[in-house]
Protein backbone atom coordinates (compact mmCIF):
# COMPACT_ATOMS: atom_id res chain seq x y z
CA MET A 1 -0.20 8.58 -15.19
CA ILE A 2 3.19 8.90 -13.52
CA PHE A 3 6.49 7.67 -14.93
CA VAL A 4 8.78 6.43 -12.16
CA ASP A 5 12.50 6.63 -12.85
CA THR A 6 15.57 5.28 -11.11
CA SER A 7 15.99 8.28 -8.83
CA ALA A 8 12.51 7.76 -7.37
CA PHE A 9 13.14 4.08 -6.63
CA LEU A 10 16.53 4.84 -5.09
CA ALA A 11 15.14 7.68 -2.98
CA LEU A 12 12.44 5.38 -1.68
CA VAL A 13 14.87 2.76 -0.36
CA ASN A 14 17.84 4.93 0.64
CA GLU A 15 17.22 6.80 3.89
CA LYS A 16 20.27 9.01 3.24
CA ASP A 17 18.90 10.25 -0.08
CA ASN A 18 17.81 13.91 -0.02
CA ASN A 19 14.45 12.94 -1.53
CA HIS A 20 13.75 9.94 0.69
CA PHE A 21 11.15 11.65 2.83
CA ALA A 22 9.36 13.12 -0.19
CA ALA A 23 9.30 9.77 -2.01
CA LYS A 24 8.06 7.92 1.05
CA THR A 25 5.41 10.57 1.75
CA PHE A 26 4.20 10.51 -1.85
CA LEU A 27 3.89 6.71 -1.79
CA GLU A 28 1.89 6.83 1.45
CA GLU A 29 -0.39 9.51 0.01
CA MET A 30 -1.00 7.33 -3.04
CA LYS A 31 -1.86 4.38 -0.81
CA ASN A 32 -4.25 6.51 1.26
CA GLY A 33 -5.96 8.01 -1.79
CA LYS A 34 -4.78 11.56 -1.16
CA VAL A 35 -3.00 11.53 -4.52
CA ARG A 36 -5.01 9.97 -7.31
CA VAL A 37 -2.88 8.14 -9.81
CA LYS A 38 -4.51 5.84 -12.33
CA LYS A 39 -1.31 4.29 -13.65
CA ILE A 40 2.31 4.05 -12.64
CA LEU A 41 4.66 3.49 -15.54
CA THR A 42 8.32 2.50 -15.64
CA SER A 43 10.44 0.41 -17.96
CA ASP A 44 12.67 -2.62 -17.80
CA TYR A 45 15.61 -0.28 -18.42
CA ILE A 46 14.74 1.66 -15.28
CA ILE A 47 14.47 -1.55 -13.26
CA ASP A 48 17.84 -2.72 -14.61
CA GLU A 49 19.48 0.60 -13.80
CA THR A 50 17.98 0.63 -10.30
CA LEU A 51 19.21 -2.87 -9.55
CA THR A 52 22.66 -2.05 -10.94
CA ARG A 53 23.03 0.99 -8.73
């Protein structure tokens, strides 16, 4: 299980973020089955914070 926080969501959508490439690569690897994750967990507070930022 992986807990996704605001910084991960922001890095994924912001190309200027220092972690953008890593976040995008990790997501692609999850999609392709290279990284096995059974559950992705976040919270409504994280979603609120992400949308606020």
